[in-house]
Amino acid sequence: MKQTWLPSLKTKNPQEGFELAIKLAQKGVEYTQPSEAIRNKLRPKYSRNANSLIRASEVISIHFQTVARANNYWQRR
């Protein structure tokens, strides 16, 4: 079993929430392609592809929606 790296979706503010969304997207790629060597080999190809970058932004956006909801959109009560 892998080490727990995500103890909670709770964050102090939206900035931390967005950073967590990025981390979730990165971890998704790592779990999908566990070989760092292969990821590094593919990176130059997708890092220059506008459609790939847009898709990556969309994945981060979806994760941010999840984190924001988990934090009740950081409303003070």
N, C-alpha and C. Protein backbone atom coordinates (compact mmCIF):
# COMPACT_ATOMS: atom_id res chain seq x y z
N MET A 1 0.84 -1.19 0.00
CA MET A 1 0.00 0.00 0.00
C MET A 1 0.88 1.25 0.00
N LYS A 2 0.48 2.22 -0.78
CA LYS A 2 1.25 3.46 -0.86
C LYS A 2 1.03 4.31 0.38
N GLN A 3 2.01 5.16 0.64
CA GLN A 3 1.93 6.07 1.79
C GLN A 3 0.80 7.08 1.57
N THR A 4 0.09 7.41 2.62
CA THR A 4 -0.99 8.39 2.54
C THR A 4 -0.39 9.77 2.31
N TRP A 5 -0.76 10.40 1.24
CA TRP A 5 -0.26 11.75 0.93
C TRP A 5 -1.39 12.78 0.94
N LEU A 6 -2.63 12.31 1.07
CA LEU A 6 -3.79 13.20 1.06
C LEU A 6 -4.64 12.96 2.30
N PRO A 7 -4.29 13.59 3.40
CA PRO A 7 -5.06 13.35 4.62
C PRO A 7 -6.45 14.01 4.60
N SER A 8 -6.60 15.05 3.79
CA SER A 8 -7.87 15.78 3.78
C SER A 8 -7.94 16.68 2.55
N LEU A 9 -9.15 17.02 2.16
CA LEU A 9 -9.34 18.03 1.12
C LEU A 9 -9.48 19.43 1.71
N LYS A 10 -9.49 19.53 3.02
CA LYS A 10 -9.64 20.82 3.69
C LYS A 10 -8.38 21.66 3.52
N THR A 11 -8.59 22.93 3.17
CA THR A 11 -7.49 23.88 3.05
C THR A 11 -7.89 25.18 3.74
N LYS A 12 -6.90 26.01 4.03
CA LYS A 12 -7.18 27.26 4.76
C LYS A 12 -7.82 28.32 3.88
N ASN A 13 -7.54 28.30 2.59
CA ASN A 13 -8.03 29.36 1.71
C ASN A 13 -8.04 28.87 0.26
N PRO A 14 -8.63 29.66 -0.63
CA PRO A 14 -8.71 29.25 -2.03
C PRO A 14 -7.34 29.03 -2.68
N GLN A 15 -6.35 29.82 -2.33
CA GLN A 15 -5.01 29.64 -2.91
C GLN A 15 -4.48 28.24 -2.60
N GLU A 16 -4.57 27.84 -1.33
CA GLU A 16 -4.14 26.49 -0.96
C GLU A 16 -5.00 25.44 -1.65
N GLY A 17 -6.28 25.75 -1.82
CA GLY A 17 -7.17 24.83 -2.51
C GLY A 17 -6.77 24.63 -3.96
N PHE A 18 -6.37 25.71 -4.62
CA PHE A 18 -5.95 25.61 -6.01
C PHE A 18 -4.64 24.81 -6.11
N GLU A 19 -3.73 25.05 -5.18
CA GLU A 19 -2.48 24.29 -5.16
C GLU A 19 -2.74 22.80 -4.92
N LEU A 20 -3.73 22.49 -4.09
CA LEU A 20 -4.10 21.10 -3.88
C LEU A 20 -4.69 20.50 -5.15
N ALA A 21 -5.49 21.29 -5.87
CA ALA A 21 -6.06 20.81 -7.13
C ALA A 21 -4.96 20.46 -8.13
N ILE A 22 -3.92 21.27 -8.19
CA ILE A 22 -2.78 20.98 -9.07
C ILE A 22 -2.10 19.69 -8.63
N LYS A 23 -1.91 19.55 -7.32
CA LYS A 23 -1.27 18.33 -6.79
C LYS A 23 -2.11 17.09 -7.14
N LEU A 24 -3.43 17.20 -7.03
CA LEU A 24 -4.30 16.07 -7.38
C LEU A 24 -4.14 15.70 -8.85
N ALA A 25 -4.06 16.69 -9.72
CA ALA A 25 -3.87 16.42 -11.14
C ALA A 25 -2.53 15.74 -11.39
N GLN A 26 -1.49 16.23 -10.73
CA GLN A 26 -0.16 15.62 -10.89
C GLN A 26 -0.15 14.18 -10.40
N LYS A 27 -0.77 13.95 -9.25
CA LYS A 27 -0.81 12.58 -8.71
C LYS A 27 -1.61 11.66 -9.62
N GLY A 28 -2.65 12.19 -10.25
CA GLY A 28 -3.41 11.37 -11.19
C GLY A 28 -2.54 10.88 -12.34
N VAL A 29 -1.68 11.75 -12.83
CA VAL A 29 -0.75 11.35 -13.90
C VAL A 29 0.23 10.31 -13.38
N GLU A 30 0.75 10.52 -12.17
CA GLU A 30 1.71 9.56 -11.59
C GLU A 30 1.09 8.18 -11.40
N TYR A 31 -0.15 8.14 -10.97
CA TYR A 31 -0.82 6.84 -10.78
C TYR A 31 -1.14 6.19 -12.12
N THR A 32 -1.48 7.02 -13.12
CA THR A 32 -1.81 6.48 -14.44
C THR A 32 -0.56 5.96 -15.15
N GLN A 33 0.55 6.70 -15.02
CA GLN A 33 1.82 6.28 -15.63
C GLN A 33 2.90 6.32 -14.55
N PRO A 34 3.09 5.22 -13.84
CA PRO A 34 4.02 5.21 -12.71
C PRO A 34 5.49 5.37 -13.09
N SER A 35 5.84 5.16 -14.34
CA SER A 35 7.24 5.26 -14.76
C SER A 35 7.64 6.73 -14.97
N GLU A 36 8.51 7.21 -14.10
CA GLU A 36 8.99 8.59 -14.23
C GLU A 36 9.75 8.78 -15.54
N ALA A 37 10.49 7.76 -15.94
CA ALA A 37 11.25 7.84 -17.19
C ALA A 37 10.33 8.05 -18.39
N ILE A 38 9.23 7.33 -18.41
CA ILE A 38 8.29 7.48 -19.53
C ILE A 38 7.62 8.85 -19.48
N ARG A 39 7.23 9.29 -18.28
CA ARG A 39 6.62 10.62 -18.15
C ARG A 39 7.59 11.69 -18.64
N ASN A 40 8.86 11.58 -18.26
CA ASN A 40 9.86 12.56 -18.70
C ASN A 40 10.06 12.52 -20.21
N LYS A 41 9.99 11.35 -20.80
CA LYS A 41 10.14 11.21 -22.25
C LYS A 41 8.97 11.86 -22.99
N LEU A 42 7.77 11.73 -22.44
CA LEU A 42 6.57 12.27 -23.08
C LEU A 42 6.38 13.77 -22.85
N ARG A 43 6.94 14.29 -21.77
CA ARG A 43 6.69 15.68 -21.38
C ARG A 43 6.99 16.69 -22.49
N PRO A 44 8.13 16.62 -23.19
CA PRO A 44 8.38 17.62 -24.24
C PRO A 44 7.29 17.67 -25.31
N LYS A 45 6.71 16.52 -25.60
CA LYS A 45 5.66 16.45 -26.63
C LYS A 45 4.39 17.17 -26.18
N TYR A 46 3.88 16.83 -24.99
CA TYR A 46 2.61 17.44 -24.57
C TYR A 46 2.78 18.85 -24.02
N SER A 47 3.97 19.20 -23.55
CA SER A 47 4.15 20.53 -22.97
C SER A 47 4.15 21.64 -24.02
N ARG A 48 4.22 21.26 -25.29
CA ARG A 48 4.18 22.24 -26.38
C ARG A 48 2.88 22.13 -27.19
N ASN A 49 1.96 21.34 -26.70
CA ASN A 49 0.70 21.11 -27.42
C ASN A 49 -0.41 21.87 -26.71
N ALA A 50 -0.96 22.85 -27.40
CA ALA A 50 -2.00 23.70 -26.80
C ALA A 50 -3.18 22.90 -26.29
N ASN A 51 -3.63 21.91 -27.05
CA ASN A 51 -4.77 21.11 -26.62
C ASN A 51 -4.46 20.32 -25.35
N SER A 52 -3.25 19.79 -25.24
CA SER A 52 -2.86 19.06 -24.03
C SER A 52 -2.84 19.99 -22.82
N LEU A 53 -2.35 21.21 -23.02
CA LEU A 53 -2.30 22.17 -21.91
C LEU A 53 -3.70 22.60 -21.48
N ILE A 54 -4.58 22.77 -22.44
CA ILE A 54 -5.97 23.12 -22.12
C ILE A 54 -6.62 21.99 -21.34
N ARG A 55 -6.41 20.75 -21.77
CA ARG A 55 -6.98 19.60 -21.07
C ARG A 55 -6.45 19.51 -19.65
N ALA A 56 -5.15 19.78 -19.47
CA ALA A 56 -4.57 19.76 -18.13
C ALA A 56 -5.24 20.82 -17.25
N SER A 57 -5.49 22.00 -17.81
CA SER A 57 -6.18 23.06 -17.07
C SER A 57 -7.59 22.64 -16.70
N GLU A 58 -8.25 21.93 -17.60
CA GLU A 58 -9.60 21.45 -17.32
C GLU A 58 -9.61 20.45 -16.16
N VAL A 59 -8.63 19.57 -16.13
CA VAL A 59 -8.54 18.59 -15.04
C VAL A 59 -8.30 19.31 -13.71
N ILE A 60 -7.42 20.30 -13.72
CA ILE A 60 -7.17 21.07 -12.49
C ILE A 60 -8.44 21.78 -12.06
N SER A 61 -9.18 22.33 -13.01
CA SER A 61 -10.42 23.03 -12.70
C SER A 61 -11.44 22.11 -12.04
N ILE A 62 -11.55 20.90 -12.54
CA ILE A 62 -12.48 19.94 -11.96
C ILE A 62 -12.06 19.58 -10.53
N HIS A 63 -10.77 19.39 -10.33
CA HIS A 63 -10.28 19.11 -8.97
C HIS A 63 -10.54 20.30 -8.05
N PHE A 64 -10.35 21.53 -8.57
CA PHE A 64 -10.58 22.71 -7.75
C PHE A 64 -12.05 22.81 -7.34
N GLN A 65 -12.96 22.45 -8.23
CA GLN A 65 -14.37 22.44 -7.87
C GLN A 65 -14.63 21.49 -6.70
N THR A 66 -14.00 20.33 -6.74
CA THR A 66 -14.16 19.34 -5.67
C THR A 66 -13.61 19.87 -4.35
N VAL A 67 -12.43 20.45 -4.40
CA VAL A 67 -11.79 20.99 -3.19
C VAL A 67 -12.61 22.16 -2.64
N ALA A 68 -13.08 23.03 -3.50
CA ALA A 68 -13.89 24.17 -3.06
C ALA A 68 -15.16 23.69 -2.36
N ARG A 69 -15.80 22.72 -2.93
CA ARG A 69 -17.03 22.18 -2.31
C ARG A 69 -16.71 21.56 -0.95
N ALA A 70 -15.60 20.83 -0.87
CA ALA A 70 -15.21 20.21 0.40
C ALA A 70 -14.93 21.26 1.48
N ASN A 71 -14.59 22.46 1.05
CA ASN A 71 -14.30 23.54 1.98
C ASN A 71 -15.45 24.56 2.09
N ASN A 72 -16.62 24.14 1.63
CA ASN A 72 -17.81 25.01 1.65
C ASN A 72 -17.49 26.37 1.02
N TYR A 73 -16.67 26.34 -0.02
CA TYR A 73 -16.29 27.53 -0.78
C TYR A 73 -15.66 28.61 0.11
N TRP A 74 -15.05 28.19 1.21
CA TRP A 74 -14.30 29.03 2.14
C TRP A 74 -15.17 30.15 2.74
N GLN A 75 -16.45 29.85 2.90
CA GLN A 75 -17.34 30.82 3.53
C GLN A 75 -17.10 30.83 5.03
N ARG A 76 -17.11 32.01 5.58
CA ARG A 76 -16.97 32.13 7.04
C ARG A 76 -18.35 32.03 7.66
N ARG A 77 -18.42 31.27 8.74
CA ARG A 77 -19.71 31.12 9.43
C ARG A 77 -19.55 31.43 10.89
